[in-house]
Amino acid sequence: MARYTGFFIVAVPIDRLRHSLIEILESCNLDIIYNTGDSLMARELPGQVSIPKLVTAEVLIEQNTSSDSEVRMNFVIKNEELPLKTNNHCRQMFELVTQSIMSNRNWLLLESMAL
């Protein structure tokens, strides 16, 4: 199972964050399947890659450590594919989502780390 994680701190009001996250995930060809106040889950739409390569994105918004203008997010991008190559489909999707978060114009990126 391929699994990649990212941690981001952005300067944005919490109410605008959720809408922007949904837009980012949908722009990366991910369909929102679960949405609560502090977490999102999205899954890649079938048809482009085989079933084991379909990516799931999980986002945890840490509201208890966030302020009114600063929010910490934890991302996990994973699929059932064995990561036999460093440039696998899950990694490519992780890079796409990470780049979309880092370059989003709706907030100011304060800190990021990708594993």
PDB file of N, CA and C in Angstrom:
ATOM      1  N   MET A   1       0.835  -1.169   0.000  1.00  0.00           N
ATOM      2  CA  MET A   1       0.000   0.000   0.000  1.00  0.00           C
ATOM      3  C   MET A   1       0.886   1.240   0.000  1.00  0.00           C
ATOM      4  N   ALA A   2       0.653   2.116  -0.981  1.00  0.00           N
ATOM      5  CA  ALA A   2       1.387   3.375  -1.046  1.00  0.00           C
ATOM      6  C   ALA A   2       0.698   4.384  -0.130  1.00  0.00           C
ATOM      7  N   ARG A   3       1.508   5.179   0.566  1.00  0.00           N
ATOM      8  CA  ARG A   3       0.957   6.148   1.520  1.00  0.00           C
ATOM      9  C   ARG A   3       1.927   7.317   1.659  1.00  0.00           C
ATOM     10  N   TYR A   4       1.407   8.523   1.473  1.00  0.00           N
ATOM     11  CA  TYR A   4       2.211   9.735   1.571  1.00  0.00           C
ATOM     12  C   TYR A   4       1.476  10.732   2.458  1.00  0.00           C
ATOM     13  N   THR A   5       2.212  11.438   3.295  1.00  0.00           N
ATOM     14  CA  THR A   5       1.593  12.386   4.225  1.00  0.00           C
ATOM     15  C   THR A   5       2.187  13.779   4.051  1.00  0.00           C
ATOM     16  N   GLY A   6       1.359  14.762   4.332  1.00  0.00           N
ATOM     17  CA  GLY A   6       1.795  16.150   4.273  1.00  0.00           C
ATOM     18  C   GLY A   6       1.172  16.932   5.410  1.00  0.00           C
ATOM     19  N   PHE A   7       1.913  17.896   5.917  1.00  0.00           N
ATOM     20  CA  PHE A   7       1.457  18.761   6.996  1.00  0.00           C
ATOM     21  C   PHE A   7       1.587  20.203   6.516  1.00  0.00           C
ATOM     22  N   PHE A   8       0.533  20.964   6.697  1.00  0.00           N
ATOM     23  CA  PHE A   8       0.516  22.343   6.213  1.00  0.00           C
ATOM     24  C   PHE A   8      -0.074  23.252   7.278  1.00  0.00           C
ATOM     25  N   ILE A   9       0.493  24.434   7.406  1.00  0.00           N
ATOM     26  CA  ILE A   9      -0.096  25.488   8.220  1.00  0.00           C
ATOM     27  C   ILE A   9      -0.326  26.661   7.274  1.00  0.00           C
ATOM     28  N   VAL A  10      -1.587  27.104   7.222  1.00  0.00           N
ATOM     29  CA  VAL A  10      -1.946  28.187   6.321  1.00  0.00           C
ATOM     30  C   VAL A  10      -2.636  29.299   7.098  1.00  0.00           C
ATOM     31  N   ALA A  11      -2.478  30.504   6.597  1.00  0.00           N
ATOM     32  CA  ALA A  11      -3.148  31.660   7.192  1.00  0.00           C
ATOM     33  C   ALA A  11      -4.420  31.908   6.400  1.00  0.00           C
ATOM     34  N   VAL A  12      -5.542  31.535   7.012  1.00  0.00           N
ATOM     35  CA  VAL A  12      -6.854  31.705   6.387  1.00  0.00           C
ATOM     36  C   VAL A  12      -7.914  31.518   7.472  1.00  0.00           C
ATOM     37  N   PRO A  13      -9.015  32.238   7.400  1.00  0.00           N
ATOM     38  CA  PRO A  13     -10.103  31.961   8.346  1.00  0.00           C
ATOM     39  C   PRO A  13     -10.655  30.559   8.115  1.00  0.00           C
ATOM     40  N   ILE A  14     -11.017  29.884   9.181  1.00  0.00           N
ATOM     41  CA  ILE A  14     -11.448  28.482   9.109  1.00  0.00           C
ATOM     42  C   ILE A  14     -12.657  28.290   8.200  1.00  0.00           C
ATOM     43  N   ASP A  15     -13.559  29.273   8.148  1.00  0.00           N
ATOM     44  CA  ASP A  15     -14.752  29.122   7.317  1.00  0.00           C
ATOM     45  C   ASP A  15     -14.421  29.138   5.826  1.00  0.00           C
ATOM     46  N   ARG A  16     -13.389  29.850   5.414  1.00  0.00           N
ATOM     47  CA  ARG A  16     -12.968  29.848   4.000  1.00  0.00           C
ATOM     48  C   ARG A  16     -12.112  28.643   3.665  1.00  0.00           C
ATOM     49  N   LEU A  17     -11.470  28.060   4.662  1.00  0.00           N
ATOM     50  CA  LEU A  17     -10.582  26.924   4.433  1.00  0.00           C
ATOM     51  C   LEU A  17     -11.314  25.742   3.834  1.00  0.00           C
ATOM     52  N   ARG A  18     -12.427  25.359   4.401  1.00  0.00           N
ATOM     53  CA  ARG A  18     -13.153  24.168   3.943  1.00  0.00           C
ATOM     54  C   ARG A  18     -13.559  24.275   2.480  1.00  0.00           C
ATOM     55  N   HIS A  19     -14.097  25.425   2.115  1.00  0.00           N
ATOM     56  CA  HIS A  19     -14.517  25.618   0.721  1.00  0.00           C
ATOM     57  C   HIS A  19     -13.319  25.516  -0.229  1.00  0.00           C
ATOM     58  N   SER A  20     -12.215  26.114   0.151  1.00  0.00           N
ATOM     59  CA  SER A  20     -11.008  26.070  -0.682  1.00  0.00           C
ATOM     60  C   SER A  20     -10.467  24.648  -0.792  1.00  0.00           C
ATOM     61  N   LEU A  21     -10.501  23.888   0.315  1.00  0.00           N
ATOM     62  CA  LEU A  21     -10.026  22.502   0.276  1.00  0.00           C
ATOM     63  C   LEU A  21     -10.862  21.652  -0.679  1.00  0.00           C
ATOM     64  N   ILE A  22     -12.168  21.830  -0.625  1.00  0.00           N
ATOM     65  CA  ILE A  22     -13.040  21.078  -1.528  1.00  0.00           C
ATOM     66  C   ILE A  22     -12.722  21.418  -2.978  1.00  0.00           C
ATOM     67  N   GLU A  23     -12.527  22.687  -3.274  1.00  0.00           N
ATOM     68  CA  GLU A  23     -12.166  23.097  -4.631  1.00  0.00           C
ATOM     69  C   GLU A  23     -10.848  22.479  -5.076  1.00  0.00           C
ATOM     70  N   ILE A  24      -9.868  22.462  -4.191  1.00  0.00           N
ATOM     71  CA  ILE A  24      -8.560  21.885  -4.522  1.00  0.00           C
ATOM     72  C   ILE A  24      -8.693  20.401  -4.825  1.00  0.00           C
ATOM     73  N   LEU A  25      -9.359  19.669  -3.948  1.00  0.00           N
ATOM     74  CA  LEU A  25      -9.493  18.225  -4.149  1.00  0.00           C
ATOM     75  C   LEU A  25     -10.262  17.911  -5.429  1.00  0.00           C
ATOM     76  N   GLU A  26     -11.328  18.648  -5.692  1.00  0.00           N
ATOM     77  CA  GLU A  26     -12.096  18.415  -6.913  1.00  0.00           C
ATOM     78  C   GLU A  26     -11.292  18.770  -8.157  1.00  0.00           C
ATOM     79  N   SER A  27     -10.446  19.792  -8.073  1.00  0.00           N
ATOM     80  CA  SER A  27      -9.611  20.158  -9.224  1.00  0.00           C
ATOM     81  C   SER A  27      -8.544  19.097  -9.507  1.00  0.00           C
ATOM     82  N   CYS A  28      -8.240  18.280  -8.505  1.00  0.00           N
ATOM     83  CA  CYS A  28      -7.271  17.189  -8.667  1.00  0.00           C
ATOM     84  C   CYS A  28      -7.961  15.868  -9.044  1.00  0.00           C
ATOM     85  N   ASN A  29      -9.206  15.952  -9.511  1.00  0.00           N
ATOM     86  CA  ASN A  29      -9.971  14.779  -9.941  1.00  0.00           C
ATOM     87  C   ASN A  29     -10.358  13.858  -8.784  1.00  0.00           C
ATOM     88  N   LEU A  30     -10.568  14.439  -7.605  1.00  0.00           N
ATOM     89  CA  LEU A  30     -10.989  13.678  -6.432  1.00  0.00           C
ATOM     90  C   LEU A  30     -12.411  14.078  -6.073  1.00  0.00           C
ATOM     91  N   ASP A  31     -13.238  13.090  -5.788  1.00  0.00           N
ATOM     92  CA  ASP A  31     -14.640  13.309  -5.457  1.00  0.00           C
ATOM     93  C   ASP A  31     -14.809  13.233  -3.941  1.00  0.00           C
ATOM     94  N   ILE A  32     -15.433  14.241  -3.344  1.00  0.00           N
ATOM     95  CA  ILE A  32     -15.635  14.285  -1.892  1.00  0.00           C
ATOM     96  C   ILE A  32     -16.646  13.206  -1.508  1.00  0.00           C
ATOM     97  N   ILE A  33     -16.246  12.304  -0.600  1.00  0.00           N
ATOM     98  CA  ILE A  33     -17.159  11.245  -0.163  1.00  0.00           C
ATOM     99  C   ILE A  33     -17.513  11.369   1.315  1.00  0.00           C
ATOM    100  N   TYR A  34     -16.786  12.212   2.050  1.00  0.00           N
ATOM    101  CA  TYR A  34     -17.032  12.372   3.481  1.00  0.00           C
ATOM    102  C   TYR A  34     -16.594  13.767   3.871  1.00  0.00           C
ATOM    103  N   ASN A  35     -17.487  14.495   4.565  1.00  0.00           N
ATOM    104  CA  ASN A  35     -17.168  15.871   4.922  1.00  0.00           C
ATOM    105  C   ASN A  35     -17.792  16.187   6.277  1.00  0.00           C
ATOM    106  N   THR A  36     -16.970  16.337   7.291  1.00  0.00           N
ATOM    107  CA  THR A  36     -17.435  16.782   8.601  1.00  0.00           C
ATOM    108  C   THR A  36     -16.745  18.104   8.901  1.00  0.00           C
ATOM    109  N   GLY A  37     -16.953  18.627  10.060  1.00  0.00           N
ATOM    110  CA  GLY A  37     -16.347  19.902  10.404  1.00  0.00           C
ATOM    111  C   GLY A  37     -14.837  19.889  10.442  1.00  0.00           C
ATOM    112  N   ASP A  38     -14.258  18.772  10.832  1.00  0.00           N
ATOM    113  CA  ASP A  38     -12.799  18.742  10.986  1.00  0.00           C
ATOM    114  C   ASP A  38     -12.094  17.712  10.113  1.00  0.00           C
ATOM    115  N   SER A  39     -12.808  17.075   9.199  1.00  0.00           N
ATOM    116  CA  SER A  39     -12.142  16.133   8.300  1.00  0.00           C
ATOM    117  C   SER A  39     -12.868  16.040   6.963  1.00  0.00           C
ATOM    118  N   LEU A  40     -12.099  15.699   5.952  1.00  0.00           N
ATOM    119  CA  LEU A  40     -12.594  15.476   4.601  1.00  0.00           C
ATOM    120  C   LEU A  40     -12.000  14.183   4.088  1.00  0.00           C
ATOM    121  N   MET A  41     -12.765  13.473   3.277  1.00  0.00           N
ATOM    122  CA  MET A  41     -12.225  12.323   2.583  1.00  0.00           C
ATOM    123  C   MET A  41     -12.689  12.408   1.137  1.00  0.00           C
ATOM    124  N   ALA A  42     -11.762  12.174   0.222  1.00  0.00           N
ATOM    125  CA  ALA A  42     -12.073  12.225  -1.202  1.00  0.00           C
ATOM    126  C   ALA A  42     -11.435  11.026  -1.885  1.00  0.00           C
ATOM    127  N   ARG A  43     -12.073  10.580  -2.958  1.00  0.00           N
ATOM    128  CA  ARG A  43     -11.578   9.414  -3.685  1.00  0.00           C
ATOM    129  C   ARG A  43     -11.480   9.763  -5.164  1.00  0.00           C
ATOM    130  N   GLU A  44     -10.452   9.229  -5.779  1.00  0.00           N
ATOM    131  CA  GLU A  44     -10.246   9.441  -7.204  1.00  0.00           C
ATOM    132  C   GLU A  44     -11.364   8.760  -7.993  1.00  0.00           C
ATOM    133  N   LEU A  45     -11.796   9.427  -9.037  1.00  0.00           N
ATOM    134  CA  LEU A  45     -12.871   8.880  -9.860  1.00  0.00           C
ATOM    135  C   LEU A  45     -12.363   7.714 -10.703  1.00  0.00           C
ATOM    136  N   PRO A  46     -13.110   6.610 -10.767  1.00  0.00           N
ATOM    137  CA  PRO A  46     -12.686   5.453 -11.571  1.00  0.00           C
ATOM    138  C   PRO A  46     -12.671   5.788 -13.058  1.00  0.00           C
ATOM    139  N   GLY A  47     -11.876   5.050 -13.789  1.00  0.00           N
ATOM    140  CA  GLY A  47     -11.840   5.193 -15.237  1.00  0.00           C
ATOM    141  C   GLY A  47     -10.489   5.548 -15.808  1.00  0.00           C
ATOM    142  N   GLN A  48      -9.670   6.257 -15.050  1.00  0.00           N
ATOM    143  CA  GLN A  48      -8.369   6.674 -15.564  1.00  0.00           C
ATOM    144  C   GLN A  48      -7.264   5.655 -15.270  1.00  0.00           C
ATOM    145  N   VAL A  49      -7.374   4.986 -14.116  1.00  0.00           N
ATOM    146  CA  VAL A  49      -6.366   4.004 -13.702  1.00  0.00           C
ATOM    147  C   VAL A  49      -7.080   2.753 -13.186  1.00  0.00           C
ATOM    148  N   SER A  50      -6.321   1.684 -12.989  1.00  0.00           N
ATOM    149  CA  SER A  50      -6.909   0.454 -12.462  1.00  0.00           C
ATOM    150  C   SER A  50      -7.360   0.655 -11.013  1.00  0.00           C
ATOM    151  N   ILE A  51      -8.242  -0.216 -10.543  1.00  0.00           N
ATOM    152  CA  ILE A  51      -8.848  -0.099  -9.213  1.00  0.00           C
ATOM    153  C   ILE A  51      -7.805  -0.010  -8.095  1.00  0.00           C
ATOM    154  N   PRO A  52      -6.760  -0.861  -8.064  1.00  0.00           N
ATOM    155  CA  PRO A  52      -5.790  -0.742  -6.961  1.00  0.00           C
ATOM    156  C   PRO A  52      -5.027   0.584  -6.943  1.00  0.00           C
ATOM    157  N   LYS A  53      -4.973   1.273  -8.074  1.00  0.00           N
ATOM    158  CA  LYS A  53      -4.253   2.539  -8.140  1.00  0.00           C
ATOM    159  C   LYS A  53      -5.113   3.744  -7.752  1.00  0.00           C
ATOM    160  N   LEU A  54      -6.427   3.548  -7.594  1.00  0.00           N
ATOM    161  CA  LEU A  54      -7.302   4.663  -7.242  1.00  0.00           C
ATOM    162  C   LEU A  54      -6.883   5.242  -5.895  1.00  0.00           C
ATOM    163  N   VAL A  55      -6.739   6.530  -5.846  1.00  0.00           N
ATOM    164  CA  VAL A  55      -6.213   7.237  -4.676  1.00  0.00           C
ATOM    165  C   VAL A  55      -7.344   7.720  -3.775  1.00  0.00           C
ATOM    166  N   THR A  56      -7.101   7.625  -2.477  1.00  0.00           N
ATOM    167  CA  THR A  56      -7.977   8.211  -1.466  1.00  0.00           C
ATOM    168  C   THR A  56      -7.180   9.286  -0.729  1.00  0.00           C
ATOM    169  N   ALA A  57      -7.814  10.433  -0.537  1.00  0.00           N
ATOM    170  CA  ALA A  57      -7.189  11.539   0.194  1.00  0.00           C
ATOM    171  C   ALA A  57      -7.970  11.770   1.479  1.00  0.00           C
ATOM    172  N   GLU A  58      -7.252  11.823   2.589  1.00  0.00           N
ATOM    173  CA  GLU A  58      -7.855  12.122   3.884  1.00  0.00           C
ATOM    174  C   GLU A  58      -7.231  13.412   4.400  1.00  0.00           C
ATOM    175  N   VAL A  59      -8.079  14.338   4.855  1.00  0.00           N
ATOM    176  CA  VAL A  59      -7.619  15.622   5.367  1.00  0.00           C
ATOM    177  C   VAL A  59      -8.160  15.790   6.775  1.00  0.00           C
ATOM    178  N   LEU A  60      -7.278  16.059   7.708  1.00  0.00           N
ATOM    179  CA  LEU A  60      -7.670  16.349   9.083  1.00  0.00           C
ATOM    180  C   LEU A  60      -7.333  17.802   9.367  1.00  0.00           C
ATOM    181  N   ILE A  61      -8.345  18.561   9.751  1.00  0.00           N
ATOM    182  CA  ILE A  61      -8.167  19.969  10.094  1.00  0.00           C
ATOM    183  C   ILE A  61      -8.081  20.046  11.610  1.00  0.00           C
ATOM    184  N   GLU A  62      -6.965  20.496  12.114  1.00  0.00           N
ATOM    185  CA  GLU A  62      -6.748  20.550  13.557  1.00  0.00           C
ATOM    186  C   GLU A  62      -7.293  21.859  14.109  1.00  0.00           C
ATOM    187  N   GLN A  63      -8.548  21.835  14.512  1.00  0.00           N
ATOM    188  CA  GLN A  63      -9.191  23.048  15.001  1.00  0.00           C
ATOM    189  C   GLN A  63      -8.764  23.406  16.416  1.00  0.00           C
ATOM    190  N   ASN A  64      -8.410  22.410  17.225  1.00  0.00           N
ATOM    191  CA  ASN A  64      -8.047  22.697  18.613  1.00  0.00           C
ATOM    192  C   ASN A  64      -6.707  23.428  18.735  1.00  0.00           C
ATOM    193  N   THR A  65      -5.826  23.297  17.752  1.00  0.00           N
ATOM    194  CA  THR A  65      -4.549  24.005  17.792  1.00  0.00           C
ATOM    195  C   THR A  65      -4.529  25.203  16.848  1.00  0.00           C
ATOM    196  N   SER A  66      -5.653  25.468  16.202  1.00  0.00           N
ATOM    197  CA  SER A  66      -5.719  26.556  15.239  1.00  0.00           C
ATOM    198  C   SER A  66      -6.206  27.836  15.898  1.00  0.00           C
ATOM    199  N   SER A  67      -5.807  28.952  15.315  1.00  0.00           N
ATOM    200  CA  SER A  67      -6.308  30.244  15.767  1.00  0.00           C
ATOM    201  C   SER A  67      -7.340  30.733  14.751  1.00  0.00           C
ATOM    202  N   ASP A  68      -7.820  31.952  14.923  1.00  0.00           N
ATOM    203  CA  ASP A  68      -8.807  32.495  13.995  1.00  0.00           C
ATOM    204  C   ASP A  68      -8.247  32.708  12.592  1.00  0.00           C
ATOM    205  N   SER A  69      -6.949  32.881  12.490  1.00  0.00           N
ATOM    206  CA  SER A  69      -6.366  33.175  11.180  1.00  0.00           C
ATOM    207  C   SER A  69      -5.308  32.170  10.742  1.00  0.00           C
ATOM    208  N   GLU A  70      -5.064  31.131  11.508  1.00  0.00           N
ATOM    209  CA  GLU A  70      -4.040  30.139  11.203  1.00  0.00           C
ATOM    210  C   GLU A  70      -4.599  28.744  11.429  1.00  0.00           C
ATOM    211  N   VAL A  71      -4.452  27.865  10.428  1.00  0.00           N
ATOM    212  CA  VAL A  71      -5.018  26.523  10.512  1.00  0.00           C
ATOM    213  C   VAL A  71      -3.963  25.500  10.115  1.00  0.00           C
ATOM    214  N   ARG A  72      -3.909  24.413  10.872  1.00  0.00           N
ATOM    215  CA  ARG A  72      -3.006  23.306  10.564  1.00  0.00           C
ATOM    216  C   ARG A  72      -3.816  22.174   9.944  1.00  0.00           C
ATOM    217  N   MET A  73      -3.292  21.607   8.856  1.00  0.00           N
ATOM    218  CA  MET A  73      -3.954  20.503   8.161  1.00  0.00           C
ATOM    219  C   MET A  73      -2.978  19.346   8.007  1.00  0.00           C
ATOM    220  N   ASN A  74      -3.477  18.147   8.161  1.00  0.00           N
ATOM    221  CA  ASN A  74      -2.719  16.926   7.915  1.00  0.00           C
ATOM    222  C   ASN A  74      -3.370  16.192   6.754  1.00  0.00           C
ATOM    223  N   PHE A  75      -2.575  15.834   5.769  1.00  0.00           N
ATOM    224  CA  PHE A  75      -3.062  15.111   4.598  1.00  0.00           C
ATOM    225  C   PHE A  75      -2.459  13.722   4.557  1.00  0.00           C
ATOM    226  N   VAL A  76      -3.266  12.749   4.135  1.00  0.00           N
ATOM    227  CA  VAL A  76      -2.777  11.414   3.827  1.00  0.00           C
ATOM    228  C   VAL A  76      -3.334  11.054   2.459  1.00  0.00           C
ATOM    229  N   ILE A  77      -2.457  10.746   1.535  1.00  0.00           N
ATOM    230  CA  ILE A  77      -2.845  10.302   0.196  1.00  0.00           C
ATOM    231  C   ILE A  77      -2.383   8.850   0.100  1.00  0.00           C
ATOM    232  N   LYS A  78      -3.320   7.942  -0.220  1.00  0.00           N
ATOM    233  CA  LYS A  78      -2.959   6.524  -0.224  1.00  0.00           C
ATOM    234  C   LYS A  78      -3.759   5.770  -1.270  1.00  0.00           C
ATOM    235  N   ASN A  79      -3.262   4.583  -1.608  1.00  0.00           N
ATOM    236  CA  ASN A  79      -3.981   3.645  -2.455  1.00  0.00           C
ATOM    237  C   ASN A  79      -3.495   2.230  -2.150  1.00  0.00           C
ATOM    238  N   GLU A  80      -4.031   1.264  -2.867  1.00  0.00           N
ATOM    239  CA  GLU A  80      -3.700  -0.137  -2.615  1.00  0.00           C
ATOM    240  C   GLU A  80      -2.511  -0.620  -3.448  1.00  0.00           C
ATOM    241  N   GLU A  81      -1.974   0.227  -4.266  1.00  0.00           N
ATOM    242  CA  GLU A  81      -0.848  -0.111  -5.126  1.00  0.00           C
ATOM    243  C   GLU A  81       0.430  -0.298  -4.304  1.00  0.00           C
ATOM    244  N   LEU A  82       1.188  -1.313  -4.612  1.00  0.00           N
ATOM    245  CA  LEU A  82       2.499  -1.460  -3.984  1.00  0.00           C
ATOM    246  C   LEU A  82       3.445  -0.443  -4.616  1.00  0.00           C
ATOM    247  N   PRO A  83       4.128   0.352  -3.814  1.00  0.00           N
ATOM    248  CA  PRO A  83       5.005   1.395  -4.371  1.00  0.00           C
ATOM    249  C   PRO A  83       6.343   0.823  -4.830  1.00  0.00           C
ATOM    250  N   LEU A  84       6.308   0.037  -5.909  1.00  0.00           N
ATOM    251  CA  LEU A  84       7.526  -0.596  -6.408  1.00  0.00           C
ATOM    252  C   LEU A  84       8.449   0.395  -7.104  1.00  0.00           C
ATOM    253  N   LYS A  85       7.885   1.482  -7.589  1.00  0.00           N
ATOM    254  CA  LYS A  85       8.665   2.543  -8.219  1.00  0.00           C
ATOM    255  C   LYS A  85       8.489   3.809  -7.400  1.00  0.00           C
ATOM    256  N   THR A  86       9.499   4.652  -7.386  1.00  0.00           N
ATOM    257  CA  THR A  86       9.376   5.898  -6.629  1.00  0.00           C
ATOM    258  C   THR A  86       8.397   6.863  -7.287  1.00  0.00           C
ATOM    259  N   ASN A  87       8.248   6.789  -8.588  1.00  0.00           N
ATOM    260  CA  ASN A  87       7.324   7.657  -9.307  1.00  0.00           C
ATOM    261  C   ASN A  87       6.049   6.885  -9.654  1.00  0.00           C
ATOM    262  N   ASN A  88       5.319   6.442  -8.638  1.00  0.00           N
ATOM    263  CA  ASN A  88       4.089   5.691  -8.865  1.00  0.00           C
ATOM    264  C   ASN A  88       2.891   6.640  -8.925  1.00  0.00           C
ATOM    265  N   HIS A  89       1.716   6.095  -9.239  1.00  0.00           N
ATOM    266  CA  HIS A  89       0.521   6.917  -9.405  1.00  0.00           C
ATOM    267  C   HIS A  89       0.155   7.647  -8.106  1.00  0.00           C
ATOM    268  N   CYS A  90       0.257   6.991  -6.978  1.00  0.00           N
ATOM    269  CA  CYS A  90      -0.071   7.614  -5.703  1.00  0.00           C
ATOM    270  C   CYS A  90       0.862   8.795  -5.432  1.00  0.00           C
ATOM    271  N   ARG A  91       2.121   8.633  -5.705  1.00  0.00           N
ATOM    272  CA  ARG A  91       3.094   9.716  -5.518  1.00  0.00           C
ATOM    273  C   ARG A  91       2.781  10.890  -6.442  1.00  0.00           C
ATOM    274  N   GLN A  92       2.413  10.595  -7.674  1.00  0.00           N
ATOM    275  CA  GLN A  92       2.059  11.646  -8.620  1.00  0.00           C
ATOM    276  C   GLN A  92       0.849  12.440  -8.137  1.00  0.00           C
ATOM    277  N   MET A  93      -0.150  11.733  -7.614  1.00  0.00           N
ATOM    278  CA  MET A  93      -1.336  12.411  -7.088  1.00  0.00           C
ATOM    279  C   MET A  93      -0.988  13.221  -5.840  1.00  0.00           C
ATOM    280  N   PHE A  94      -0.116  12.685  -5.001  1.00  0.00           N
ATOM    281  CA  PHE A  94       0.332  13.406  -3.809  1.00  0.00           C
ATOM    282  C   PHE A  94       1.024  14.707  -4.213  1.00  0.00           C
ATOM    283  N   GLU A  95       1.884  14.642  -5.211  1.00  0.00           N
ATOM    284  CA  GLU A  95       2.584  15.838  -5.690  1.00  0.00           C
ATOM    285  C   GLU A  95       1.597  16.848  -6.259  1.00  0.00           C
ATOM    286  N   LEU A  96       0.575  16.384  -6.973  1.00  0.00           N
ATOM    287  CA  LEU A  96      -0.431  17.269  -7.543  1.00  0.00           C
ATOM    288  C   LEU A  96      -1.215  17.990  -6.441  1.00  0.00           C
ATOM    289  N   VAL A  97      -1.670  17.245  -5.437  1.00  0.00           N
ATOM    290  CA  VAL A  97      -2.429  17.840  -4.340  1.00  0.00           C
ATOM    291  C   VAL A  97      -1.536  18.798  -3.538  1.00  0.00           C
ATOM    292  N   THR A  98      -0.328  18.379  -3.235  1.00  0.00           N
ATOM    293  CA  THR A  98       0.601  19.218  -2.480  1.00  0.00           C
ATOM    294  C   THR A  98       0.880  20.529  -3.205  1.00  0.00           C
ATOM    295  N   GLN A  99       1.130  20.448  -4.492  1.00  0.00           N
ATOM    296  CA  GLN A  99       1.401  21.657  -5.279  1.00  0.00           C
ATOM    297  C   GLN A  99       0.181  22.566  -5.308  1.00  0.00           C
ATOM    298  N   SER A 100      -1.005  21.978  -5.398  1.00  0.00           N
ATOM    299  CA  SER A 100      -2.240  22.768  -5.405  1.00  0.00           C
ATOM    300  C   SER A 100      -2.440  23.487  -4.081  1.00  0.00           C
ATOM    301  N   ILE A 101      -2.102  22.834  -2.989  1.00  0.00           N
ATOM    302  CA  ILE A 101      -2.224  23.458  -1.664  1.00  0.00           C
ATOM    303  C   ILE A 101      -1.209  24.585  -1.520  1.00  0.00           C
ATOM    304  N   MET A 102       0.013  24.330  -1.942  1.00  0.00           N
ATOM    305  CA  MET A 102       1.076  25.315  -1.770  1.00  0.00           C
ATOM    306  C   MET A 102       0.881  26.555  -2.631  1.00  0.00           C
ATOM    307  N   SER A 103       0.232  26.402  -3.775  1.00  0.00           N
ATOM    308  CA  SER A 103       0.082  27.548  -4.678  1.00  0.00           C
ATOM    309  C   SER A 103      -1.312  28.161  -4.652  1.00  0.00           C
ATOM    310  N   ASN A 104      -2.153  27.737  -3.723  1.00  0.00           N
ATOM    311  CA  ASN A 104      -3.517  28.255  -3.651  1.00  0.00           C
ATOM    312  C   ASN A 104      -3.497  29.735  -3.287  1.00  0.00           C
ATOM    313  N   ARG A 105      -4.258  30.524  -4.018  1.00  0.00           N
ATOM    314  CA  ARG A 105      -4.260  31.975  -3.803  1.00  0.00           C
ATOM    315  C   ARG A 105      -5.220  32.401  -2.699  1.00  0.00           C
ATOM    316  N   ASN A 106      -6.012  31.481  -2.150  1.00  0.00           N
ATOM    317  CA  ASN A 106      -6.982  31.819  -1.109  1.00  0.00           C
ATOM    318  C   ASN A 106      -6.374  31.866   0.289  1.00  0.00           C
ATOM    319  N   TRP A 107      -5.103  31.487   0.414  1.00  0.00           N
ATOM    320  CA  TRP A 107      -4.461  31.548   1.716  1.00  0.00           C
ATOM    321  C   TRP A 107      -2.969  31.776   1.561  1.00  0.00           C
ATOM    322  N   LEU A 108      -2.343  32.037   2.680  1.00  0.00           N
ATOM    323  CA  LEU A 108      -0.895  32.214   2.720  1.00  0.00           C
ATOM    324  C   LEU A 108      -0.301  30.979   3.388  1.00  0.00           C
ATOM    325  N   LEU A 109       0.566  30.290   2.685  1.00  0.00           N
ATOM    326  CA  LEU A 109       1.222  29.103   3.226  1.00  0.00           C
ATOM    327  C   LEU A 109       2.301  29.541   4.208  1.00  0.00           C
ATOM    328  N   LEU A 110       2.164  29.123   5.478  1.00  0.00           N
ATOM    329  CA  LEU A 110       3.123  29.501   6.505  1.00  0.00           C
ATOM    330  C   LEU A 110       4.180  28.431   6.720  1.00  0.00           C
ATOM    331  N   GLU A 111       3.770  27.177   6.612  1.00  0.00           N
ATOM    332  CA  GLU A 111       4.698  26.070   6.851  1.00  0.00           C
ATOM    333  C   GLU A 111       4.186  24.830   6.140  1.00  0.00           C
ATOM    334  N   SER A 112       5.109  24.010   5.641  1.00  0.00           N
ATOM    335  CA  SER A 112       4.707  22.762   5.000  1.00  0.00           C
ATOM    336  C   SER A 112       5.800  21.720   5.195  1.00  0.00           C
ATOM    337  N   MET A 113       5.367  20.475   5.194  1.00  0.00           N
ATOM    338  CA  MET A 113       6.298  19.353   5.272  1.00  0.00           C
ATOM    339  C   MET A 113       5.620  18.166   4.608  1.00  0.00           C
ATOM    340  N   ALA A 114       6.333  17.512   3.720  1.00  0.00           N
ATOM    341  CA  ALA A 114       5.798  16.353   3.019  1.00  0.00           C
ATOM    342  C   ALA A 114       6.696  15.150   3.277  1.00  0.00           C
ATOM    343  N   LEU A 115       6.071  14.033   3.586  1.00  0.00           N
ATOM    344  CA  LEU A 115       6.820  12.810   3.862  1.00  0.00           C
ATOM    345  C   LEU A 115       6.438  11.734   2.868  1.00  0.00           C
TER     346      LEU A 115
END
